[in-house]
Structure formats: C-alpha cells, structure tokens
Amino acid sequence: MNPDFEIILTASLVSAACSIPGIFLVLRKMAMMSDAIGHAILPGIVIGYFITQNLNSPLLILGAGLAGLFTVFIVEMVNKNALIKEDASIGMVFPMFFSIGVILVTLFAGNIHIDTDSILLGELAFVPFDRLWLNGVNMGPRVAWVMGVILILNVIFLALFFKELKLSTFDKALAASLGFVPVAIHYGLMTSVSLTAVAAFDAVGSILVVAFMVIPPAIAWLLTDDLKMMFFYSVLSGVICSIGGFYLAVLLDSSIAGAITTVFGIALFLVFLFSPEKGYVSTLRLRRLQRYTFAELALLIHLDNHKNTAAEVVENRRDHLQDHFNWETAFSEKVLVNLKKKNLLSDESGLLKLSEAGEKLVAEKKQAFFSAM
C-alpha cells in the first residue's frame, strides 16, 4: 500500500471518528471539552506505561480513557458546586492534568518516544512505519485499524442512542421528563469523546484531535440545520481538508498535522464568510434586503395614510421623501425603483400614488397587524 495513501486514509478515519461526538459537543456548546480531554489524557497514558512498560498495551488506552472521564467528572463537580461557569471550570482543570502529564514525561519518560512534541502535534508521517501484523501477515498501519474500530463504535453508539442524544442536547428538561437520564447520556458521550481522543492521540497529537473534533462540526453547523445532514457535511469536510492538508504539507515540506489544521482554519473561514444562510456575506445581504423591505413598506403606508387628503400634494411628493423619512437621495431613489418594478406605485409628475396592487398590499399588512394585537 502506498505510504501517502496510508497517511491520508488514517487522517480521514481520525476525522470521521472525531466528527461524530464532535457534532454534539459543538451543539451543546462544549467544544472546549474536547481540548480538555485531549490534554488531560496524558497522565493516564504515562501512568499506564509505568504499569505495563509497553507502549502498545491496551491498558494505555484504558488509563487514558479513565483520565478523560475523570476530567469530565471534576469539571462537572466544580461547575455544580462553585460559582464558576463551565468554560472557566474547563480552563481550570485541564491545564493542571496536562501539566502533571508533562512533568511525568519529562522526569520519567525521557528515553521513549513520548515527548512534548509528539504529544502536541503527533506525527502522521510515521503512521506507515507502525504496522499491524496478524499471523505474519502485514495488515497495514496499526493506527488506521484502531481508528477504523473507533469509527465503527461511534457509529454504533450514534445509531443506538441518536434519539436520546438529540433530545438531551436540545432540551434536557424534556428528556428527563420523558424518562431519559441526561447525566447518563452525557457521560456516554464523554466516554465516546475520551476513547476517540485516546485512539487518535498517538498519530495526530492533542492539537489535531481538537481540530478534528471541533472544526468539521462547526463547518457543518454553518452549512445546515438538519442534524443528520450535519454528520454528512462534517465527515465530508474533514476528509477533504485532510487530503488538502496532506498535499499542502508535501508542497511546503512542512508538518502534516500543522498543514491539515491550517487547511481546516481556511475552510472554516471561507464557510463563515460564504455559507448560504449563516455566512457573514449572506447575513449582510439579508440585512440590506430587510432594510429596503422595511423602507418600501413604510413608504407605501405613508402614501396610503395621506391619499385623498389636503396634505397629499405635499406629503406624497417625490421631493418630500428626504425631508420626511430623512433618507439619503440614493437610498430613496432605490426604494422608488424597487416599488415601481413591483408595480406598487406610480409617479405622476412628482406626485407618488399607490397602484391597485399597492393598496391591496397595504390593506393586507394593516389587517395582519391589527389581527395580531
């Protein structure tokens, strides 16, 4: 198997596996919990190594997973029993656990490949060298198989508890009243986050784990409000950015993890700007449209209020709009052009008059207003 393909495959599997629990972290406004767990599992890994003296032992995954869950428990305890919000409690707890792990690595694990660089950034370039052998048969990169198993477990967890996760994410009180246990669902989700972060930790490091778990779901959230489509967009964007980041790293001869994270950031920025519904550009366009829509309706009502009155020849004149509404000339001209295109008013030698369609629209708006009162 081509080494480049193995690296891309591993990065794509990590992205897909992280996206599933990451969606719910983003929706629950707990994105920083992935950062906390991604850093706090380090002491579990180091302590597991002390016990087993084997970096490939499954006890390392168990120890790291327990460390992640313990972090969640401490954060929840601090959050509930002190006047501290959840984001602050996360910021208090995970640096402490990560610092403990760094101290343990520096003091006792200096002669093995657990070091602060691999902890933060990982090294996807080394993935092809860590092979999985079964009965003397080379099965490919070990990390790819591990992440494939984690991905399958996350998909199974999502399929079994999708309704519960969805309900507890958007309405905890309703979930509890229907007999669900939001706390159990929460810790089930955190277990999924911990196992995924632990499995991905060896290949991509803690920083890329956070990027994989937060940025693709954030991109998906900007693109759609449909929860099921959110998973599709999240996985798709993660895979595309992983491929793009790998080739950027090859082009620049730089860190693969750093390049992938950079591409993630660029993709998020572009989606933030140009998302069809939630993007910054579309929001500005919508605000501009709403401004014109409101101005058009205000002018129609103004004309209707003064029609067939003694003040009509003054109040409804075209050159009086700037004085009455305090509009700029260019803006008022644009409003008039829009209304004429919609056939809602006419201009008779500078005197503005409602068309039949304009009178009908004003009557409908007034009726709707008084009906709502």
Protein backbone atom coordinates (compact mmCIF):
# COMPACT_ATOMS: atom_id res chain seq x y z
CA MET A 1 0.00 0.00 0.00
CA ASN A 2 1.28 3.45 -0.86
CA PRO A 3 2.59 5.33 2.24
CA ASP A 4 0.92 8.58 1.11
CA PHE A 5 -2.41 6.79 0.80
CA GLU A 6 -1.95 5.24 4.26
CA ILE A 7 -1.36 8.67 5.80
CA ILE A 8 -4.39 10.18 4.04
CA LEU A 9 -6.54 7.17 5.00
CA THR A 10 -5.52 7.43 8.65
CA ALA A 11 -6.18 11.18 8.77
CA SER A 12 -9.57 10.67 7.12
CA LEU A 13 -10.53 7.92 9.58
CA VAL A 14 -9.47 10.12 12.51
CA SER A 15 -11.53 13.00 11.13
CA ALA A 16 -14.63 10.85 10.59
CA ALA A 17 -14.35 9.23 14.03
CA CYS A 18 -13.89 12.60 15.77
CA SER A 19 -16.73 14.27 13.87
CA ILE A 20 -19.47 12.07 15.34
CA PRO A 21 -19.08 13.02 19.01
CA GLY A 22 -17.78 16.43 17.96
CA ILE A 23 -21.17 17.37 16.48
CA PHE A 24 -22.84 17.03 19.86
CA LEU A 25 -20.01 18.87 21.63
CA VAL A 26 -20.48 21.84 19.30
CA LEU A 27 -24.28 21.78 19.63
CA ARG A 28 -24.01 21.56 23.42
CA LYS A 29 -21.54 24.48 23.43
CA MET A 30 -18.92 22.20 24.96
CA ALA A 31 -16.34 22.34 22.19
CA MET A 32 -13.56 23.11 24.67
CA MET A 33 -14.27 19.82 26.44
CA SER A 34 -12.50 18.08 23.54
CA ASP A 35 -9.46 20.25 24.25
CA ALA A 36 -9.67 19.41 27.94
CA ILE A 37 -9.91 15.67 27.34
CA GLY A 38 -7.28 15.75 24.59
CA HIS A 39 -4.77 17.26 27.03
CA ALA A 40 -5.88 15.58 30.25
CA ILE A 41 -5.45 12.02 28.94
CA LEU A 42 -1.67 12.45 29.01
CA PRO A 43 -1.26 11.46 32.69
CA GLY A 44 -3.34 8.34 32.01
CA ILE A 45 -1.07 7.37 29.14
CA VAL A 46 2.09 7.91 31.17
CA ILE A 47 0.79 6.07 34.24
CA GLY A 48 -0.40 3.22 32.02
CA TYR A 49 3.11 2.97 30.58
CA PHE A 50 4.63 2.91 34.05
CA ILE A 51 2.42 -0.07 34.92
CA THR A 52 2.82 -2.05 31.69
CA GLN A 53 6.21 -0.86 30.38
CA ASN A 54 4.66 -1.38 26.93
CA LEU A 55 3.55 1.46 24.66
CA ASN A 56 1.30 -0.90 22.67
CA SER A 57 -0.59 -2.21 25.69
CA PRO A 58 -4.38 -1.72 25.65
CA LEU A 59 -4.06 -0.62 29.27
CA LEU A 60 -2.69 2.68 27.99
CA ILE A 61 -5.98 3.28 26.19
CA LEU A 62 -7.90 2.23 29.31
CA GLY A 63 -5.83 4.51 31.55
CA ALA A 64 -6.14 7.45 29.17
CA GLY A 65 -9.88 6.91 28.81
CA LEU A 66 -10.32 6.86 32.58
CA ALA A 67 -8.25 10.04 32.84
CA GLY A 68 -10.56 11.69 30.32
CA LEU A 69 -13.68 10.65 32.20
CA PHE A 70 -12.14 11.77 35.48
CA THR A 71 -11.52 15.17 33.89
CA VAL A 72 -15.18 15.40 32.88
CA PHE A 73 -16.23 14.42 36.41
CA ILE A 74 -14.01 17.07 38.01
CA VAL A 75 -15.23 19.75 35.59
CA GLU A 76 -18.86 18.87 36.32
CA MET A 77 -18.20 18.85 40.08
CA VAL A 78 -16.51 22.26 40.01
CA ASN A 79 -19.24 23.65 37.78
CA LYS A 80 -22.07 22.46 40.03
CA ASN A 81 -20.57 23.22 43.41
CA ALA A 82 -18.93 26.58 42.79
CA LEU A 83 -19.88 29.92 41.31
CA ILE A 84 -17.88 29.11 38.19
CA LYS A 85 -19.23 28.66 34.68
CA GLU A 86 -18.43 25.54 32.68
CA ASP A 87 -15.91 27.18 30.34
CA ALA A 88 -14.00 28.55 33.32
CA SER A 89 -14.04 25.20 35.10
CA ILE A 90 -12.65 23.53 31.95
CA GLY A 91 -9.91 26.16 31.81
CA MET A 92 -9.06 25.46 35.45
CA VAL A 93 -8.97 21.66 35.32
CA PHE A 94 -7.32 20.54 32.08
CA PRO A 95 -4.11 22.66 32.35
CA MET A 96 -3.50 21.04 35.72
CA PHE A 97 -3.85 17.49 34.35
CA PHE A 98 -1.81 18.28 31.25
CA SER A 99 0.93 19.86 33.36
CA ILE A 100 1.07 16.76 35.55
CA GLY A 101 1.45 14.64 32.43
CA VAL A 102 4.22 16.86 31.03
CA ILE A 103 6.09 16.66 34.35
CA LEU A 104 5.79 12.86 34.40
CA VAL A 105 7.03 12.63 30.80
CA THR A 106 9.95 14.98 31.47
CA LEU A 107 11.05 13.20 34.64
CA PHE A 108 10.43 9.54 33.89
CA ALA A 109 9.78 9.02 30.18
CA GLY A 110 12.64 10.87 28.53
CA ASN A 111 14.10 7.75 26.91
CA ILE A 112 10.98 6.70 24.99
CA HIS A 113 9.15 8.39 22.16
CA ILE A 114 6.58 10.01 24.46
CA ASP A 115 7.73 13.64 24.37
CA THR A 116 6.12 17.04 24.39
CA ASP A 117 6.40 17.48 20.58
CA SER A 118 4.64 14.20 19.80
CA ILE A 119 2.08 14.98 22.48
CA LEU A 120 1.11 18.32 20.94
CA LEU A 121 1.48 17.70 17.21
CA GLY A 122 1.82 13.94 16.76
CA GLU A 123 3.44 12.80 13.53
CA LEU A 124 1.28 11.39 10.79
CA ALA A 125 4.37 10.83 8.65
CA PHE A 126 5.34 7.94 10.97
CA VAL A 127 2.00 6.14 10.52
CA PRO A 128 3.28 3.79 7.73
CA PHE A 129 6.11 2.56 9.98
CA ASP A 130 3.79 1.26 12.74
CA ARG A 131 2.33 -1.88 11.17
CA LEU A 132 -0.25 -4.37 12.36
CA TRP A 133 0.86 -7.99 11.92
CA LEU A 134 -1.53 -10.94 12.19
CA ASN A 135 -0.03 -14.42 11.80
CA GLY A 136 2.90 -12.94 9.94
CA VAL A 137 0.66 -11.02 7.52
CA ASN A 138 1.13 -7.26 7.18
CA MET A 139 -2.34 -5.78 7.63
CA GLY A 140 -1.34 -2.15 7.16
CA PRO A 141 -0.94 0.79 9.58
CA ARG A 142 -1.94 -0.09 13.13
CA VAL A 143 -3.41 3.36 13.80
CA ALA A 144 -5.68 3.09 10.75
CA TRP A 145 -7.14 -0.15 12.08
CA VAL A 146 -7.56 1.32 15.56
CA MET A 147 -9.33 4.40 14.21
CA GLY A 148 -11.48 2.22 11.96
CA VAL A 149 -12.66 0.29 15.03
CA ILE A 150 -13.30 3.54 16.93
CA LEU A 151 -15.26 4.90 13.97
CA ILE A 152 -17.44 1.80 13.90
CA LEU A 153 -18.02 2.02 17.67
CA ASN A 154 -19.01 5.69 17.37
CA VAL A 155 -21.41 4.91 14.52
CA ILE A 156 -22.99 2.13 16.59
CA PHE A 157 -23.27 4.44 19.61
CA LEU A 158 -24.89 7.12 17.42
CA ALA A 159 -27.32 4.64 15.85
CA LEU A 160 -28.39 3.20 19.21
CA PHE A 161 -28.78 6.47 21.09
CA PHE A 162 -29.47 9.05 18.39
CA LYS A 163 -32.90 9.96 19.76
CA GLU A 164 -31.61 10.27 23.33
CA LEU A 165 -28.56 12.30 22.29
CA LYS A 166 -30.66 14.61 20.15
CA LEU A 167 -33.30 15.19 22.82
CA SER A 168 -30.85 15.70 25.70
CA THR A 169 -28.79 18.07 23.54
CA PHE A 170 -31.67 20.41 22.68
CA ASP A 171 -33.95 20.01 25.73
CA LYS A 172 -32.58 18.36 28.88
CA ALA A 173 -35.74 19.03 30.87
CA LEU A 174 -37.94 17.32 28.30
CA ALA A 175 -35.53 14.38 28.10
CA ALA A 176 -35.68 13.96 31.88
CA SER A 177 -39.49 14.25 31.94
CA LEU A 178 -39.76 11.51 29.30
CA GLY A 179 -37.78 9.11 31.45
CA PHE A 180 -34.34 9.52 29.90
CA VAL A 181 -31.32 10.11 32.12
CA PRO A 182 -29.45 13.13 30.71
CA VAL A 183 -26.50 12.56 33.05
CA ALA A 184 -26.00 9.01 31.79
CA ILE A 185 -26.28 10.17 28.18
CA HIS A 186 -23.79 12.94 28.91
CA TYR A 187 -21.22 10.55 30.34
CA GLY A 188 -21.83 8.12 27.50
CA LEU A 189 -20.99 10.93 25.06
CA MET A 190 -17.93 11.88 27.10
CA THR A 191 -16.80 8.26 27.06
CA SER A 192 -17.03 8.30 23.28
CA VAL A 193 -15.06 11.56 23.18
CA SER A 194 -12.39 10.14 25.52
CA LEU A 195 -11.92 6.87 23.61
CA THR A 196 -11.76 8.72 20.29
CA ALA A 197 -9.25 11.25 21.61
CA VAL A 198 -7.09 8.49 23.13
CA ALA A 199 -7.08 6.44 19.95
CA ALA A 200 -6.19 9.45 17.79
CA PHE A 201 -3.66 10.84 20.27
CA ASP A 202 -0.75 8.65 19.17
CA ALA A 203 -0.99 9.59 15.49
CA VAL A 204 -2.10 13.20 15.44
CA GLY A 205 -1.40 14.65 18.89
CA SER A 206 -3.68 16.68 21.10
CA ILE A 207 -3.91 19.81 18.92
CA LEU A 208 -5.12 17.99 15.82
CA VAL A 209 -7.56 15.93 17.90
CA VAL A 210 -9.20 19.20 18.95
CA ALA A 211 -9.18 20.47 15.34
CA PHE A 212 -10.75 17.26 14.04
CA MET A 213 -13.38 17.24 16.77
CA VAL A 214 -14.42 20.90 16.56
CA ILE A 215 -13.78 22.43 13.14
CA PRO A 216 -15.61 19.95 10.82
CA PRO A 217 -18.73 20.03 13.06
CA ALA A 218 -18.53 23.83 13.14
CA ILE A 219 -18.35 23.90 9.33
CA ALA A 220 -21.33 21.55 9.15
CA TRP A 221 -23.32 23.68 11.60
CA LEU A 222 -22.72 26.74 9.40
CA LEU A 223 -23.96 24.85 6.34
CA THR A 224 -27.16 23.23 7.63
CA ASP A 225 -29.66 22.99 10.49
CA ASP A 226 -30.53 19.37 9.66
CA LEU A 227 -28.82 17.19 12.27
CA LYS A 228 -28.43 14.16 10.01
CA MET A 229 -27.01 16.26 7.17
CA MET A 230 -24.69 17.84 9.72
CA PHE A 231 -22.94 14.50 10.18
CA PHE A 232 -22.56 14.12 6.42
CA TYR A 233 -21.09 17.60 5.93
CA SER A 234 -18.83 17.18 8.95
CA VAL A 235 -17.30 13.92 7.74
CA LEU A 236 -17.04 15.17 4.16
CA SER A 237 -15.32 18.43 5.11
CA GLY A 238 -12.95 16.56 7.44
CA VAL A 239 -11.89 14.12 4.71
CA ILE A 240 -11.47 16.87 2.09
CA CYS A 241 -9.41 19.05 4.44
CA SER A 242 -7.26 16.06 5.46
CA ILE A 243 -6.43 15.35 1.83
CA GLY A 244 -5.81 19.03 1.08
CA GLY A 245 -3.68 19.44 4.21
CA PHE A 246 -1.51 16.44 3.33
CA TYR A 247 -0.70 17.76 -0.15
CA LEU A 248 -0.09 21.23 1.27
CA ALA A 249 2.43 19.70 3.68
CA VAL A 250 4.12 17.89 0.78
CA LEU A 251 4.22 21.12 -1.23
CA LEU A 252 5.69 23.16 1.63
CA ASP A 253 7.75 20.29 3.11
CA SER A 254 6.21 21.04 6.50
CA SER A 255 4.34 19.33 9.34
CA ILE A 256 1.37 17.32 8.12
CA ALA A 257 -0.61 17.99 11.29
CA GLY A 258 0.11 21.72 11.03
CA ALA A 259 -0.86 21.81 7.35
CA ILE A 260 -4.12 19.94 7.95
CA THR A 261 -5.03 22.27 10.81
CA THR A 262 -4.24 25.27 8.60
CA VAL A 263 -6.50 23.97 5.82
CA PHE A 264 -9.22 23.39 8.44
CA GLY A 265 -8.90 27.01 9.53
CA ILE A 266 -9.05 28.30 5.95
CA ALA A 267 -12.10 26.14 5.20
CA LEU A 268 -13.89 27.34 8.34
CA PHE A 269 -13.15 30.96 7.48
CA LEU A 270 -14.47 30.57 3.92
CA VAL A 271 -17.65 28.84 5.13
CA PHE A 272 -18.07 31.53 7.78
CA LEU A 273 -17.94 34.15 5.03
CA PHE A 274 -19.93 32.45 2.28
CA SER A 275 -22.34 29.99 3.90
CA PRO A 276 -25.66 30.37 2.03
CA GLU A 277 -27.76 31.04 5.15
CA LYS A 278 -25.45 31.70 8.11
CA GLY A 279 -22.43 33.21 6.35
CA TYR A 280 -21.27 36.74 7.05
CA VAL A 281 -21.82 37.86 3.44
CA SER A 282 -25.31 36.38 3.23
CA THR A 283 -26.17 37.94 6.60
CA LEU A 284 -25.11 41.36 5.35
CA ARG A 285 -27.12 40.82 2.18
CA LEU A 286 -30.17 39.81 4.23
CA ARG A 287 -29.85 42.86 6.47
CA ARG A 288 -29.62 45.09 3.41
CA LEU A 289 -32.67 43.41 1.90
CA GLN A 290 -34.61 43.78 5.15
CA ARG A 291 -33.70 47.47 5.27
CA TYR A 292 -35.12 48.03 1.80
CA THR A 293 -38.17 45.87 2.51
CA PHE A 294 -38.97 47.88 5.65
CA ALA A 295 -38.42 51.19 3.84
CA GLU A 296 -40.67 50.14 0.96
CA LEU A 297 -43.49 49.16 3.32
CA ALA A 298 -43.07 52.37 5.34
CA LEU A 299 -43.37 54.45 2.19
CA LEU A 300 -46.46 52.57 1.00
CA ILE A 301 -48.20 53.08 4.35
CA HIS A 302 -47.19 56.76 4.34
CA LEU A 303 -48.73 57.23 0.90
CA ASP A 304 -51.88 55.37 1.95
CA ASN A 305 -52.29 57.49 5.09
CA HIS A 306 -52.18 60.75 3.13
CA LYS A 307 -54.08 59.80 -0.02
CA ASN A 308 -57.27 61.75 -0.69
CA THR A 309 -56.35 64.35 1.96
CA ALA A 310 -55.45 68.02 1.73
CA ALA A 311 -51.87 67.19 2.64
CA GLU A 312 -51.45 64.65 -0.17
CA VAL A 313 -49.97 67.09 -2.66
CA VAL A 314 -47.22 67.94 -0.17
CA GLU A 315 -46.65 64.77 1.85
CA ASN A 316 -46.72 62.37 -1.08
CA ARG A 317 -44.44 64.32 -3.38
CA ARG A 318 -41.26 62.60 -4.50
CA ASP A 319 -39.01 65.51 -3.45
CA HIS A 320 -40.50 65.43 0.07
CA LEU A 321 -39.24 61.93 0.94
CA GLN A 322 -35.79 63.05 2.05
CA ASP A 323 -37.31 65.57 4.47
CA HIS A 324 -40.00 63.24 5.80
CA PHE A 325 -38.01 59.99 6.18
CA ASN A 326 -34.53 61.51 6.46
CA TRP A 327 -33.34 59.18 3.70
CA GLU A 328 -30.33 59.78 1.53
CA THR A 329 -31.14 60.59 -2.07
CA ALA A 330 -29.56 57.41 -3.46
CA PHE A 331 -31.42 55.24 -0.96
CA SER A 332 -34.84 56.86 -1.61
CA GLU A 333 -34.33 56.54 -5.38
CA LYS A 334 -33.52 52.85 -4.97
CA VAL A 335 -36.68 52.35 -2.88
CA LEU A 336 -38.79 54.04 -5.54
CA VAL A 337 -37.20 51.97 -8.32
CA ASN A 338 -37.94 48.76 -6.40
CA LEU A 339 -41.58 49.73 -5.83
CA LYS A 340 -42.08 50.67 -9.48
CA LYS A 341 -40.61 47.35 -10.59
CA LYS A 342 -43.09 45.60 -8.31
CA ASN A 343 -45.90 47.75 -9.77
CA LEU A 344 -46.90 49.01 -6.33
CA LEU A 345 -46.88 52.75 -7.04
CA SER A 346 -46.76 55.28 -9.85
CA ASP A 347 -45.08 58.67 -10.23
CA GLU A 348 -47.35 61.32 -11.75
CA SER A 349 -45.21 64.40 -12.32
CA GLY A 350 -43.52 64.01 -8.94
CA LEU A 351 -46.68 63.00 -7.06
CA LEU A 352 -46.49 59.42 -5.83
CA LYS A 353 -49.67 57.34 -5.87
CA LEU A 354 -50.41 53.77 -4.86
CA SER A 355 -51.36 51.32 -7.56
CA GLU A 356 -54.19 48.86 -7.05
CA ALA A 357 -51.63 46.20 -6.05
CA GLY A 358 -50.04 48.66 -3.62
CA GLU A 359 -53.36 49.47 -1.94
CA LYS A 360 -54.10 45.77 -1.64
CA LEU A 361 -50.70 45.06 -0.05
CA VAL A 362 -51.10 47.90 2.49
CA ALA A 363 -54.59 46.67 3.42
CA GLU A 364 -53.25 43.14 3.98
CA LYS A 365 -50.39 44.40 6.16
CA LYS A 366 -52.71 46.57 8.27
CA GLN A 367 -55.17 43.73 8.72
CA ALA A 368 -52.37 41.37 9.76
CA PHE A 369 -51.08 43.94 12.25
CA PHE A 370 -54.43 44.56 13.92
CA SER A 371 -55.23 40.83 13.96
CA ALA A 372 -52.02 40.15 15.86
CA MET A 373 -52.83 42.72 18.55
